[in-house]
């Protein structure tokens, strides 16, 4: 299998992580939250990755499991983390000060 490429983007409402190529079906992936880190692993034990959400680290807030969503398409696993309202309010305040 070729090496995996992992990218992360911070959008206005979510943080999006993409890992590719991961050819197995979505049912093979287990995504969990441990020690304020998103853990991606496969049932066949062929892949394991830790992902940090920098916005949550920056504001020293814990990750909430119900905010983690996953999708799989075209050999790409997409993991999104919906930012909680306190983080959105803090970011909006910071952006308003910059403008």
PDB file of N, CA and C in Angstrom:
ATOM      1  N   UNK A   1       0.841  -1.174   0.000  1.00  0.00           N
ATOM      2  CA  UNK A   1       0.000   0.000   0.000  1.00  0.00           C
ATOM      3  C   UNK A   1       0.890   1.243   0.000  1.00  0.00           C
ATOM      4  N   UNK A   2       0.537   2.270  -0.790  1.00  0.00           N
ATOM      5  CA  UNK A   2       1.332   3.502  -0.819  1.00  0.00           C
ATOM      6  C   UNK A   2       1.224   4.248   0.512  1.00  0.00           C
ATOM      7  N   UNK A   3       2.167   5.133   0.808  1.00  0.00           N
ATOM      8  CA  UNK A   3       2.113   5.876   2.068  1.00  0.00           C
ATOM      9  C   UNK A   3       0.883   6.781   2.122  1.00  0.00           C
ATOM     10  N   UNK A   4       0.364   6.963   3.332  1.00  0.00           N
ATOM     11  CA  UNK A   4      -0.822   7.781   3.514  1.00  0.00           C
ATOM     12  C   UNK A   4      -0.454   9.260   3.614  1.00  0.00           C
ATOM     13  N   UNK A   5      -1.334  10.081   3.075  1.00  0.00           N
ATOM     14  CA  UNK A   5      -1.183  11.528   3.161  1.00  0.00           C
ATOM     15  C   UNK A   5      -2.293  12.030   4.074  1.00  0.00           C
ATOM     16  N   UNK A   6      -1.933  12.785   5.092  1.00  0.00           N
ATOM     17  CA  UNK A   6      -2.900  13.308   6.045  1.00  0.00           C
ATOM     18  C   UNK A   6      -2.863  14.833   5.992  1.00  0.00           C
ATOM     19  N   UNK A   7      -4.002  15.438   5.705  1.00  0.00           N
ATOM     20  CA  UNK A   7      -4.082  16.893   5.657  1.00  0.00           C
ATOM     21  C   UNK A   7      -5.171  17.373   6.616  1.00  0.00           C
ATOM     22  N   UNK A   8      -5.013  18.582   7.111  1.00  0.00           N
ATOM     23  CA  UNK A   8      -6.001  19.174   8.010  1.00  0.00           C
ATOM     24  C   UNK A   8      -6.290  20.595   7.556  1.00  0.00           C
ATOM     25  N   UNK A   9      -7.566  20.939   7.616  1.00  0.00           N
ATOM     26  CA  UNK A   9      -7.987  22.307   7.276  1.00  0.00           C
ATOM     27  C   UNK A   9      -8.919  22.814   8.363  1.00  0.00           C
ATOM     28  N   UNK A  10      -8.734  24.067   8.723  1.00  0.00           N
ATOM     29  CA  UNK A  10      -9.629  24.699   9.678  1.00  0.00           C
ATOM     30  C   UNK A  10     -10.584  25.589   8.903  1.00  0.00           C
ATOM     31  N   UNK A  11     -11.850  25.260   8.986  1.00  0.00           N
ATOM     32  CA  UNK A  11     -12.891  26.046   8.329  1.00  0.00           C
ATOM     33  C   UNK A  11     -13.646  26.835   9.386  1.00  0.00           C
ATOM     34  N   UNK A  12     -14.613  27.618   8.968  1.00  0.00           N
ATOM     35  CA  UNK A  12     -15.303  28.489   9.906  1.00  0.00           C
ATOM     36  C   UNK A  12     -16.030  27.710  11.008  1.00  0.00           C
ATOM     37  N   UNK A  13     -16.744  26.644  10.646  1.00  0.00           N
ATOM     38  CA  UNK A  13     -17.539  25.910  11.621  1.00  0.00           C
ATOM     39  C   UNK A  13     -16.950  24.567  12.030  1.00  0.00           C
ATOM     40  N   UNK A  14     -16.014  24.039  11.228  1.00  0.00           N
ATOM     41  CA  UNK A  14     -15.458  22.719  11.508  1.00  0.00           C
ATOM     42  C   UNK A  14     -13.948  22.700  11.265  1.00  0.00           C
ATOM     43  N   UNK A  15     -13.322  21.675  11.806  1.00  0.00           N
ATOM     44  CA  UNK A  15     -11.949  21.327  11.448  1.00  0.00           C
ATOM     45  C   UNK A  15     -12.050  20.021  10.687  1.00  0.00           C
ATOM     46  N   UNK A  16     -11.442  19.961   9.517  1.00  0.00           N
ATOM     47  CA  UNK A  16     -11.565  18.806   8.637  1.00  0.00           C
ATOM     48  C   UNK A  16     -10.214  18.150   8.438  1.00  0.00           C
ATOM     49  N   UNK A  17     -10.161  16.851   8.687  1.00  0.00           N
ATOM     50  CA  UNK A  17      -8.953  16.076   8.438  1.00  0.00           C
ATOM     51  C   UNK A  17      -9.235  15.057   7.347  1.00  0.00           C
ATOM     52  N   UNK A  18      -8.297  14.890   6.425  1.00  0.00           N
ATOM     53  CA  UNK A  18      -8.452  13.917   5.342  1.00  0.00           C
ATOM     54  C   UNK A  18      -7.233  13.006   5.318  1.00  0.00           C
ATOM     55  N   UNK A  19      -7.478  11.711   5.259  1.00  0.00           N
ATOM     56  CA  UNK A  19      -6.407  10.727   5.175  1.00  0.00           C
ATOM     57  C   UNK A  19      -6.638   9.906   3.916  1.00  0.00           C
ATOM     58  N   UNK A  20      -5.613   9.822   3.077  1.00  0.00           N
ATOM     59  CA  UNK A  20      -5.738   9.051   1.833  1.00  0.00           C
ATOM     60  C   UNK A  20      -4.410   8.422   1.470  1.00  0.00           C
ATOM     61  N   UNK A  21      -4.305   7.382   0.736  1.00  0.00           N
ATOM     62  CA  UNK A  21      -5.414   6.506   0.359  1.00  0.00           C
ATOM     63  C   UNK A  21      -5.685   5.468   1.446  1.00  0.00           C
ATOM     64  N   UNK A  22      -6.921   5.313   1.802  1.00  0.00           N
ATOM     65  CA  UNK A  22      -7.363   4.270   2.723  1.00  0.00           C
ATOM     66  C   UNK A  22      -8.462   3.483   2.005  1.00  0.00           C
ATOM     67  N   UNK A  23      -8.118   2.344   1.420  1.00  0.00           N
ATOM     68  CA  UNK A  23      -9.018   1.648   0.505  1.00  0.00           C
ATOM     69  C   UNK A  23     -10.112   0.801   1.154  1.00  0.00           C
ATOM     70  N   UNK A  24     -10.056   0.556   2.458  1.00  0.00           N
ATOM     71  CA  UNK A  24     -11.027  -0.336   3.064  1.00  0.00           C
ATOM     72  C   UNK A  24     -12.392   0.353   3.212  1.00  0.00           C
ATOM     73  N   UNK A  25     -13.468  -0.411   3.341  1.00  0.00           N
ATOM     74  CA  UNK A  25     -14.801   0.191   3.507  1.00  0.00           C
ATOM     75  C   UNK A  25     -14.936   0.890   4.866  1.00  0.00           C
ATOM     76  N   UNK A  26     -15.894   1.784   4.973  1.00  0.00           N
ATOM     77  CA  UNK A  26     -16.095   2.579   6.191  1.00  0.00           C
ATOM     78  C   UNK A  26     -16.310   1.692   7.420  1.00  0.00           C
ATOM     79  N   UNK A  27     -16.903   0.541   7.234  1.00  0.00           N
ATOM     80  CA  UNK A  27     -17.171  -0.350   8.368  1.00  0.00           C
ATOM     81  C   UNK A  27     -15.887  -0.865   9.027  1.00  0.00           C
ATOM     82  N   UNK A  28     -14.764  -0.742   8.363  1.00  0.00           N
ATOM     83  CA  UNK A  28     -13.481  -1.215   8.893  1.00  0.00           C
ATOM     84  C   UNK A  28     -12.813  -0.190   9.826  1.00  0.00           C
ATOM     85  N   UNK A  29     -13.253   1.047   9.827  1.00  0.00           N
ATOM     86  CA  UNK A  29     -12.601   2.107  10.606  1.00  0.00           C
ATOM     87  C   UNK A  29     -13.296   2.318  11.944  1.00  0.00           C
ATOM     88  N   UNK A  30     -12.483   2.545  12.970  1.00  0.00           N
ATOM     89  CA  UNK A  30     -12.981   2.907  14.290  1.00  0.00           C
ATOM     90  C   UNK A  30     -12.369   4.256  14.639  1.00  0.00           C
ATOM     91  N   UNK A  31     -13.214   5.221  14.939  1.00  0.00           N
ATOM     92  CA  UNK A  31     -12.749   6.563  15.304  1.00  0.00           C
ATOM     93  C   UNK A  31     -13.203   6.815  16.737  1.00  0.00           C
ATOM     94  N   UNK A  32     -12.253   7.197  17.581  1.00  0.00           N
ATOM     95  CA  UNK A  32     -12.566   7.446  18.981  1.00  0.00           C
ATOM     96  C   UNK A  32     -11.818   8.684  19.466  1.00  0.00           C
ATOM     97  N   UNK A  33     -12.162   9.137  20.661  1.00  0.00           N
ATOM     98  CA  UNK A  33     -11.489  10.280  21.285  1.00  0.00           C
ATOM     99  C   UNK A  33     -10.843   9.787  22.569  1.00  0.00           C
ATOM    100  N   UNK A  34      -9.515   9.949  22.662  1.00  0.00           N
ATOM    101  CA  UNK A  34      -8.762   9.558  23.848  1.00  0.00           C
ATOM    102  C   UNK A  34      -7.734  10.644  24.154  1.00  0.00           C
ATOM    103  N   UNK A  35      -7.668  11.066  25.394  1.00  0.00           N
ATOM    104  CA  UNK A  35      -6.680  12.074  25.829  1.00  0.00           C
ATOM    105  C   UNK A  35      -6.690  13.314  24.945  1.00  0.00           C
ATOM    106  N   UNK A  36      -7.885  13.808  24.627  1.00  0.00           N
ATOM    107  CA  UNK A  36      -8.057  15.007  23.802  1.00  0.00           C
ATOM    108  C   UNK A  36      -7.426  14.870  22.411  1.00  0.00           C
ATOM    109  N   UNK A  37      -7.416  13.647  21.894  1.00  0.00           N
ATOM    110  CA  UNK A  37      -6.886  13.338  20.576  1.00  0.00           C
ATOM    111  C   UNK A  37      -7.877  12.436  19.859  1.00  0.00           C
ATOM    112  N   UNK A  38      -8.079  12.664  18.561  1.00  0.00           N
ATOM    113  CA  UNK A  38      -8.917  11.780  17.762  1.00  0.00           C
ATOM    114  C   UNK A  38      -8.042  10.623  17.284  1.00  0.00           C
ATOM    115  N   UNK A  39      -8.480   9.393  17.560  1.00  0.00           N
ATOM    116  CA  UNK A  39      -7.736   8.194  17.191  1.00  0.00           C
ATOM    117  C   UNK A  39      -8.480   7.490  16.052  1.00  0.00           C
ATOM    118  N   UNK A  40      -7.753   7.197  14.977  1.00  0.00           N
ATOM    119  CA  UNK A  40      -8.309   6.444  13.848  1.00  0.00           C
ATOM    120  C   UNK A  40      -7.566   5.121  13.792  1.00  0.00           C
ATOM    121  N   UNK A  41      -8.329   4.024  13.798  1.00  0.00           N
ATOM    122  CA  UNK A  41      -7.706   2.703  13.677  1.00  0.00           C
ATOM    123  C   UNK A  41      -8.611   1.817  12.829  1.00  0.00           C
ATOM    124  N   UNK A  42      -8.024   0.756  12.303  1.00  0.00           N
ATOM    125  CA  UNK A  42      -8.808  -0.182  11.500  1.00  0.00           C
ATOM    126  C   UNK A  42      -8.972  -1.486  12.264  1.00  0.00           C
ATOM    127  N   UNK A  43     -10.055  -2.179  11.964  1.00  0.00           N
ATOM    128  CA  UNK A  43     -10.294  -3.470  12.601  1.00  0.00           C
ATOM    129  C   UNK A  43      -9.247  -4.491  12.190  1.00  0.00           C
ATOM    130  N   UNK A  44      -8.740  -4.376  10.956  1.00  0.00           N
ATOM    131  CA  UNK A  44      -7.730  -5.331  10.498  1.00  0.00           C
ATOM    132  C   UNK A  44      -6.320  -4.961  10.974  1.00  0.00           C
ATOM    133  N   UNK A  45      -6.219  -3.927  11.831  1.00  0.00           N
ATOM    134  CA  UNK A  45      -4.958  -3.502  12.462  1.00  0.00           C
ATOM    135  C   UNK A  45      -3.868  -3.123  11.460  1.00  0.00           C
ATOM    136  N   UNK A  46      -4.272  -2.571  10.308  1.00  0.00           N
ATOM    137  CA  UNK A  46      -3.295  -2.156   9.312  1.00  0.00           C
ATOM    138  C   UNK A  46      -3.077  -0.645   9.307  1.00  0.00           C
ATOM    139  N   UNK A  47      -3.852   0.093  10.127  1.00  0.00           N
ATOM    140  CA  UNK A  47      -3.693   1.540  10.147  1.00  0.00           C
ATOM    141  C   UNK A  47      -4.033   2.074  11.534  1.00  0.00           C
ATOM    142  N   UNK A  48      -3.225   3.046  12.005  1.00  0.00           N
ATOM    143  CA  UNK A  48      -3.434   3.702  13.286  1.00  0.00           C
ATOM    144  C   UNK A  48      -2.898   5.120  13.168  1.00  0.00           C
ATOM    145  N   UNK A  49      -3.700   6.113  13.556  1.00  0.00           N
ATOM    146  CA  UNK A  49      -3.272   7.509  13.437  1.00  0.00           C
ATOM    147  C   UNK A  49      -3.896   8.324  14.562  1.00  0.00           C
ATOM    148  N   UNK A  50      -3.102   9.245  15.126  1.00  0.00           N
ATOM    149  CA  UNK A  50      -3.587  10.193  16.125  1.00  0.00           C
ATOM    150  C   UNK A  50      -3.697  11.560  15.461  1.00  0.00           C
ATOM    151  N   UNK A  51      -4.834  12.211  15.667  1.00  0.00           N
ATOM    152  CA  UNK A  51      -5.062  13.540  15.102  1.00  0.00           C
ATOM    153  C   UNK A  51      -5.374  14.520  16.219  1.00  0.00           C
ATOM    154  N   UNK A  52      -4.694  15.656  16.216  1.00  0.00           N
ATOM    155  CA  UNK A  52      -4.954  16.718  17.189  1.00  0.00           C
ATOM    156  C   UNK A  52      -5.826  17.792  16.532  1.00  0.00           C
ATOM    157  N   UNK A  53      -6.711  18.379  17.314  1.00  0.00           N
ATOM    158  CA  UNK A  53      -7.512  19.511  16.845  1.00  0.00           C
ATOM    159  C   UNK A  53      -6.898  20.750  17.488  1.00  0.00           C
ATOM    160  N   UNK A  54      -6.133  21.482  16.690  1.00  0.00           N
ATOM    161  CA  UNK A  54      -5.353  22.604  17.225  1.00  0.00           C
ATOM    162  C   UNK A  54      -6.211  23.689  17.854  1.00  0.00           C
ATOM    163  N   UNK A  55      -7.389  23.944  17.294  1.00  0.00           N
ATOM    164  CA  UNK A  55      -8.258  24.976  17.871  1.00  0.00           C
ATOM    165  C   UNK A  55      -8.655  24.624  19.300  1.00  0.00           C
ATOM    166  N   UNK A  56      -8.943  23.354  19.542  1.00  0.00           N
ATOM    167  CA  UNK A  56      -9.332  22.942  20.885  1.00  0.00           C
ATOM    168  C   UNK A  56      -8.132  22.985  21.834  1.00  0.00           C
ATOM    169  N   UNK A  57      -6.947  22.649  21.337  1.00  0.00           N
ATOM    170  CA  UNK A  57      -5.738  22.753  22.155  1.00  0.00           C
ATOM    171  C   UNK A  57      -5.457  24.211  22.506  1.00  0.00           C
ATOM    172  N   UNK A  58      -5.625  25.078  21.524  1.00  0.00           N
ATOM    173  CA  UNK A  58      -5.336  26.499  21.720  1.00  0.00           C
ATOM    174  C   UNK A  58      -6.223  27.097  22.805  1.00  0.00           C
ATOM    175  N   UNK A  59      -7.499  26.713  22.834  1.00  0.00           N
ATOM    176  CA  UNK A  59      -8.430  27.248  23.826  1.00  0.00           C
ATOM    177  C   UNK A  59      -8.521  26.367  25.071  1.00  0.00           C
ATOM    178  N   UNK A  60      -7.681  25.316  25.128  1.00  0.00           N
ATOM    179  CA  UNK A  60      -7.633  24.403  26.277  1.00  0.00           C
ATOM    180  C   UNK A  60      -9.015  23.846  26.614  1.00  0.00           C
ATOM    181  N   UNK A  61      -9.695  23.365  25.586  1.00  0.00           N
ATOM    182  CA  UNK A  61     -11.022  22.780  25.766  1.00  0.00           C
ATOM    183  C   UNK A  61     -10.977  21.301  25.392  1.00  0.00           C
ATOM    184  N   UNK A  62     -11.726  20.458  26.097  1.00  0.00           N
ATOM    185  CA  UNK A  62     -11.718  19.029  25.787  1.00  0.00           C
ATOM    186  C   UNK A  62     -12.521  18.731  24.511  1.00  0.00           C
ATOM    187  N   UNK A  63     -12.121  17.658  23.827  1.00  0.00           N
ATOM    188  CA  UNK A  63     -12.867  17.209  22.659  1.00  0.00           C
ATOM    189  C   UNK A  63     -14.148  16.514  23.111  1.00  0.00           C
ATOM    190  N   UNK A  64     -15.223  16.719  22.364  1.00  0.00           N
ATOM    191  CA  UNK A  64     -16.513  16.105  22.668  1.00  0.00           C
ATOM    192  C   UNK A  64     -16.794  15.079  21.582  1.00  0.00           C
ATOM    193  N   UNK A  65     -17.022  13.849  21.988  1.00  0.00           N
ATOM    194  CA  UNK A  65     -17.166  12.744  21.046  1.00  0.00           C
ATOM    195  C   UNK A  65     -18.295  12.995  20.043  1.00  0.00           C
ATOM    196  N   UNK A  66     -19.417  13.566  20.482  1.00  0.00           N
ATOM    197  CA  UNK A  66     -20.558  13.740  19.575  1.00  0.00           C
ATOM    198  C   UNK A  66     -20.291  14.771  18.467  1.00  0.00           C
ATOM    199  N   UNK A  67     -19.207  15.532  18.566  1.00  0.00           N
ATOM    200  CA  UNK A  67     -18.861  16.510  17.537  1.00  0.00           C
ATOM    201  C   UNK A  67     -17.988  15.919  16.425  1.00  0.00           C
ATOM    202  N   UNK A  68     -17.577  14.651  16.576  1.00  0.00           N
ATOM    203  CA  UNK A  68     -16.721  13.987  15.581  1.00  0.00           C
ATOM    204  C   UNK A  68     -17.604  13.262  14.566  1.00  0.00           C
ATOM    205  N   UNK A  69     -17.388  13.531  13.282  1.00  0.00           N
ATOM    206  CA  UNK A  69     -18.121  12.865  12.208  1.00  0.00           C
ATOM    207  C   UNK A  69     -17.134  12.298  11.201  1.00  0.00           C
ATOM    208  N   UNK A  70     -17.514  11.187  10.566  1.00  0.00           N
ATOM    209  CA  UNK A  70     -16.644  10.527   9.588  1.00  0.00           C
ATOM    210  C   UNK A  70     -17.405  10.222   8.315  1.00  0.00           C
ATOM    211  N   UNK A  71     -16.658  10.221   7.223  1.00  0.00           N
ATOM    212  CA  UNK A  71     -17.193   9.811   5.924  1.00  0.00           C
ATOM    213  C   UNK A  71     -16.048   9.191   5.142  1.00  0.00           C
ATOM    214  N   UNK A  72     -16.388   8.329   4.196  1.00  0.00           N
ATOM    215  CA  UNK A  72     -15.374   7.665   3.382  1.00  0.00           C
ATOM    216  C   UNK A  72     -15.830   7.676   1.937  1.00  0.00           C
ATOM    217  N   UNK A  73     -14.987   8.189   1.049  1.00  0.00           N
ATOM    218  CA  UNK A  73     -15.289   8.208  -0.383  1.00  0.00           C
ATOM    219  C   UNK A  73     -13.987   8.294  -1.165  1.00  0.00           C
ATOM    220  N   UNK A  74     -13.923   7.594  -2.286  1.00  0.00           N
ATOM    221  CA  UNK A  74     -12.751   7.639  -3.174  1.00  0.00           C
ATOM    222  C   UNK A  74     -11.439   7.373  -2.436  1.00  0.00           C
ATOM    223  N   UNK A  75     -11.431   6.358  -1.589  1.00  0.00           N
ATOM    224  CA  UNK A  75     -10.254   5.966  -0.810  1.00  0.00           C
ATOM    225  C   UNK A  75      -9.746   7.072   0.113  1.00  0.00           C
ATOM    226  N   UNK A  76     -10.628   7.973   0.502  1.00  0.00           N
ATOM    227  CA  UNK A  76     -10.272   9.060   1.419  1.00  0.00           C
ATOM    228  C   UNK A  76     -11.185   9.010   2.629  1.00  0.00           C
ATOM    229  N   UNK A  77     -10.582   8.975   3.812  1.00  0.00           N
ATOM    230  CA  UNK A  77     -11.350   9.039   5.056  1.00  0.00           C
ATOM    231  C   UNK A  77     -11.369  10.496   5.495  1.00  0.00           C
ATOM    232  N   UNK A  78     -12.565  11.050   5.637  1.00  0.00           N
ATOM    233  CA  UNK A  78     -12.725  12.447   6.045  1.00  0.00           C
ATOM    234  C   UNK A  78     -13.282  12.475   7.461  1.00  0.00           C
ATOM    235  N   UNK A  79     -12.572  13.157   8.344  1.00  0.00           N
ATOM    236  CA  UNK A  79     -12.976  13.276   9.738  1.00  0.00           C
ATOM    237  C   UNK A  79     -13.191  14.750  10.017  1.00  0.00           C
ATOM    238  N   UNK A  80     -14.397  15.093  10.437  1.00  0.00           N
ATOM    239  CA  UNK A  80     -14.675  16.497  10.747  1.00  0.00           C
ATOM    240  C   UNK A  80     -14.992  16.631  12.231  1.00  0.00           C
ATOM    241  N   UNK A  81     -14.592  17.761  12.774  1.00  0.00           N
ATOM    242  CA  UNK A  81     -14.894  18.071  14.165  1.00  0.00           C
ATOM    243  C   UNK A  81     -15.622  19.405  14.193  1.00  0.00           C
ATOM    244  N   UNK A  82     -16.864  19.359  14.630  1.00  0.00           N
ATOM    245  CA  UNK A  82     -17.689  20.564  14.708  1.00  0.00           C
ATOM    246  C   UNK A  82     -17.246  21.391  15.912  1.00  0.00           C
ATOM    247  N   UNK A  83     -16.885  22.635  15.658  1.00  0.00           N
ATOM    248  CA  UNK A  83     -16.406  23.489  16.743  1.00  0.00           C
ATOM    249  C   UNK A  83     -17.567  23.827  17.686  1.00  0.00           C
ATOM    250  N   UNK A  84     -17.342  23.740  19.008  1.00  0.00           N
ATOM    251  CA  UNK A  84     -18.391  24.114  19.949  1.00  0.00           C
ATOM    252  C   UNK A  84     -18.643  25.626  19.927  1.00  0.00           C
ATOM    253  N   UNK A  85     -19.811  26.018  20.402  1.00  0.00           N
ATOM    254  CA  UNK A  85     -20.190  27.433  20.374  1.00  0.00           C
ATOM    255  C   UNK A  85     -19.216  28.346  21.115  1.00  0.00           C
ATOM    256  N   UNK A  86     -18.678  27.963  22.279  1.00  0.00           N
ATOM    257  CA  UNK A  86     -17.708  28.866  22.933  1.00  0.00           C
ATOM    258  C   UNK A  86     -16.491  29.167  22.060  1.00  0.00           C
ATOM    259  N   UNK A  87     -16.014  28.169  21.319  1.00  0.00           N
ATOM    260  CA  UNK A  87     -14.865  28.386  20.437  1.00  0.00           C
ATOM    261  C   UNK A  87     -15.261  29.322  19.295  1.00  0.00           C
ATOM    262  N   UNK A  88     -16.455  29.120  18.728  1.00  0.00           N
ATOM    263  CA  UNK A  88     -16.921  29.997  17.648  1.00  0.00           C
ATOM    264  C   UNK A  88     -17.036  31.441  18.131  1.00  0.00           C
ATOM    265  N   UNK A  89     -17.551  31.629  19.342  1.00  0.00           N
ATOM    266  CA  UNK A  89     -17.682  32.987  19.886  1.00  0.00           C
ATOM    267  C   UNK A  89     -16.314  33.623  20.127  1.00  0.00           C
ATOM    268  N   UNK A  90     -15.376  32.852  20.670  1.00  0.00           N
ATOM    269  CA  UNK A  90     -14.022  33.375  20.889  1.00  0.00           C
ATOM    270  C   UNK A  90     -13.344  33.745  19.573  1.00  0.00           C
ATOM    271  N   UNK A  91     -13.471  32.880  18.565  1.00  0.00           N
ATOM    272  CA  UNK A  91     -12.880  33.181  17.264  1.00  0.00           C
ATOM    273  C   UNK A  91     -13.519  34.415  16.639  1.00  0.00           C
ATOM    274  N   UNK A  92     -14.831  34.549  16.754  1.00  0.00           N
ATOM    275  CA  UNK A  92     -15.525  35.717  16.202  1.00  0.00           C
ATOM    276  C   UNK A  92     -15.039  36.992  16.903  1.00  0.00           C
ATOM    277  N   UNK A  93     -14.834  36.927  18.203  1.00  0.00           N
ATOM    278  CA  UNK A  93     -14.328  38.087  18.949  1.00  0.00           C
ATOM    279  C   UNK A  93     -12.909  38.440  18.487  1.00  0.00           C
ATOM    280  N   UNK A  94     -12.065  37.433  18.306  1.00  0.00           N
ATOM    281  CA  UNK A  94     -10.687  37.674  17.844  1.00  0.00           C
ATOM    282  C   UNK A  94     -10.685  38.297  16.460  1.00  0.00           C
ATOM    283  N   UNK A  95     -11.501  37.741  15.546  1.00  0.00           N
ATOM    284  CA  UNK A  95     -11.552  38.283  14.187  1.00  0.00           C
ATOM    285  C   UNK A  95     -12.079  39.725  14.158  1.00  0.00           C
ATOM    286  N   UNK A  96     -13.054  40.024  15.017  1.00  0.00           N
ATOM    287  CA  UNK A  96     -13.603  41.387  15.043  1.00  0.00           C
ATOM    288  C   UNK A  96     -12.557  42.382  15.554  1.00  0.00           C
ATOM    289  N   UNK A  97     -11.680  41.951  16.469  1.00  0.00           N
ATOM    290  CA  UNK A  97     -10.612  42.838  16.958  1.00  0.00           C
ATOM    291  C   UNK A  97      -9.567  43.100  15.880  1.00  0.00           C
ATOM    292  N   UNK A  98      -9.348  42.083  15.036  1.00  0.00           N
ATOM    293  CA  UNK A  98      -8.349  42.239  13.963  1.00  0.00           C
ATOM    294  C   UNK A  98      -8.832  43.169  12.856  1.00  0.00           C
ATOM    295  N   UNK A  99     -10.128  43.225  12.653  1.00  0.00           N
ATOM    296  CA  UNK A  99     -10.685  44.072  11.593  1.00  0.00           C
ATOM    297  C   UNK A  99     -10.983  45.415  12.121  1.00  0.00           C
TER     298      UNK A  99
END
